[in-house]
Amino acid sequence: MKSAATGFRGNKAALPSKPCRACGRPMSWRRCWARNWTEVKFCSDACRQRKVARHG
């Protein structure tokens, strides 16, 4: 069972989270971000494009 190996037992409140750099909304950890969670900065493609457009 994979969830037992990762420590996730169905309690989403126990997952780590951090704010999106573009909109400030909290992002919860996702399995697809497991390898690069420290590098994730934006909650969505829309926020990523908005942030790049502001500085460009």
C-alpha atoms as a PDB file:
ATOM      1  CA  MET A   1       0.000   0.000   0.000  1.00  0.00           C
ATOM      2  CA  LYS A   2       1.641   3.252  -1.163  1.00  0.00           C
ATOM      3  CA  SER A   3      -0.150   5.583   1.240  1.00  0.00           C
ATOM      4  CA  ALA A   4       1.369   3.759   4.218  1.00  0.00           C
ATOM      5  CA  ALA A   5       4.874   4.206   2.788  1.00  0.00           C
ATOM      6  CA  THR A   6       4.445   7.967   2.321  1.00  0.00           C
ATOM      7  CA  GLY A   7       2.780   8.548   5.665  1.00  0.00           C
ATOM      8  CA  PHE A   8      -0.420   9.871   4.093  1.00  0.00           C
ATOM      9  CA  ARG A   9      -3.457   8.363   5.784  1.00  0.00           C
ATOM     10  CA  GLY A  10      -6.206  10.411   4.151  1.00  0.00           C
ATOM     11  CA  ASN A  11      -5.746  13.485   6.350  1.00  0.00           C
ATOM     12  CA  LYS A  12      -5.156  16.302   3.858  1.00  0.00           C
ATOM     13  CA  ALA A  13      -4.713  18.840   6.673  1.00  0.00           C
ATOM     14  CA  ALA A  14      -1.463  17.073   7.621  1.00  0.00           C
ATOM     15  CA  LEU A  15       0.103  17.631   4.184  1.00  0.00           C
ATOM     16  CA  PRO A  16       2.619  20.483   3.840  1.00  0.00           C
ATOM     17  CA  SER A  17       1.541  23.688   2.144  1.00  0.00           C
ATOM     18  CA  LYS A  18       3.043  27.002   1.048  1.00  0.00           C
ATOM     19  CA  PRO A  19       1.744  30.191  -0.590  1.00  0.00           C
ATOM     20  CA  CYS A  20       1.721  30.745  -4.347  1.00  0.00           C
ATOM     21  CA  ARG A  21       4.153  33.525  -5.315  1.00  0.00           C
ATOM     22  CA  ALA A  22       1.708  35.076  -7.786  1.00  0.00           C
ATOM     23  CA  CYS A  23      -1.668  34.988  -6.023  1.00  0.00           C
ATOM     24  CA  GLY A  24      -0.745  34.161  -2.425  1.00  0.00           C
ATOM     25  CA  ARG A  25      -3.253  31.333  -2.066  1.00  0.00           C
ATOM     26  CA  PRO A  26      -2.006  28.292  -0.144  1.00  0.00           C
ATOM     27  CA  MET A  27      -0.891  25.317  -2.245  1.00  0.00           C
ATOM     28  CA  SER A  28      -1.159  21.866  -0.726  1.00  0.00           C
ATOM     29  CA  TRP A  29       1.439  19.230  -1.465  1.00  0.00           C
ATOM     30  CA  ARG A  30       0.585  16.979  -4.403  1.00  0.00           C
ATOM     31  CA  ARG A  31       2.039  13.605  -5.256  1.00  0.00           C
ATOM     32  CA  CYS A  32       3.179  14.844  -8.679  1.00  0.00           C
ATOM     33  CA  TRP A  33       5.241  17.554  -6.891  1.00  0.00           C
ATOM     34  CA  ALA A  34       6.947  15.054  -4.571  1.00  0.00           C
ATOM     35  CA  ARG A  35      10.322  15.185  -6.352  1.00  0.00           C
ATOM     36  CA  ASN A  36      10.518  18.964  -6.684  1.00  0.00           C
ATOM     37  CA  TRP A  37       8.338  20.382  -3.876  1.00  0.00           C
ATOM     38  CA  THR A  38      11.098  22.836  -2.896  1.00  0.00           C
ATOM     39  CA  GLU A  39      11.135  24.234  -6.460  1.00  0.00           C
ATOM     40  CA  VAL A  40       7.345  24.625  -6.859  1.00  0.00           C
ATOM     41  CA  LYS A  41       6.495  28.342  -6.753  1.00  0.00           C
ATOM     42  CA  PHE A  42       3.125  28.745  -8.484  1.00  0.00           C
ATOM     43  CA  CYS A  43      -0.214  27.013  -7.961  1.00  0.00           C
ATOM     44  CA  SER A  44      -1.153  26.871 -11.655  1.00  0.00           C
ATOM     45  CA  ASP A  45      -0.021  27.620 -15.194  1.00  0.00           C
ATOM     46  CA  ALA A  46      -2.158  30.775 -15.114  1.00  0.00           C
ATOM     47  CA  CYS A  47      -0.278  32.108 -12.078  1.00  0.00           C
ATOM     48  CA  ARG A  48       3.068  31.196 -13.620  1.00  0.00           C
ATOM     49  CA  GLN A  49       2.222  33.115 -16.810  1.00  0.00           C
ATOM     50  CA  ARG A  50       0.861  36.071 -14.879  1.00  0.00           C
ATOM     51  CA  LYS A  51       4.039  36.329 -12.794  1.00  0.00           C
ATOM     52  CA  VAL A  52       6.306  36.157 -15.869  1.00  0.00           C
ATOM     53  CA  ALA A  53       4.199  38.773 -17.666  1.00  0.00           C
ATOM     54  CA  ARG A  54       4.556  41.249 -14.780  1.00  0.00           C
ATOM     55  CA  HIS A  55       8.331  41.142 -14.791  1.00  0.00           C
ATOM     56  CA  GLY A  56       8.741  40.927 -18.578  1.00  0.00           C
END
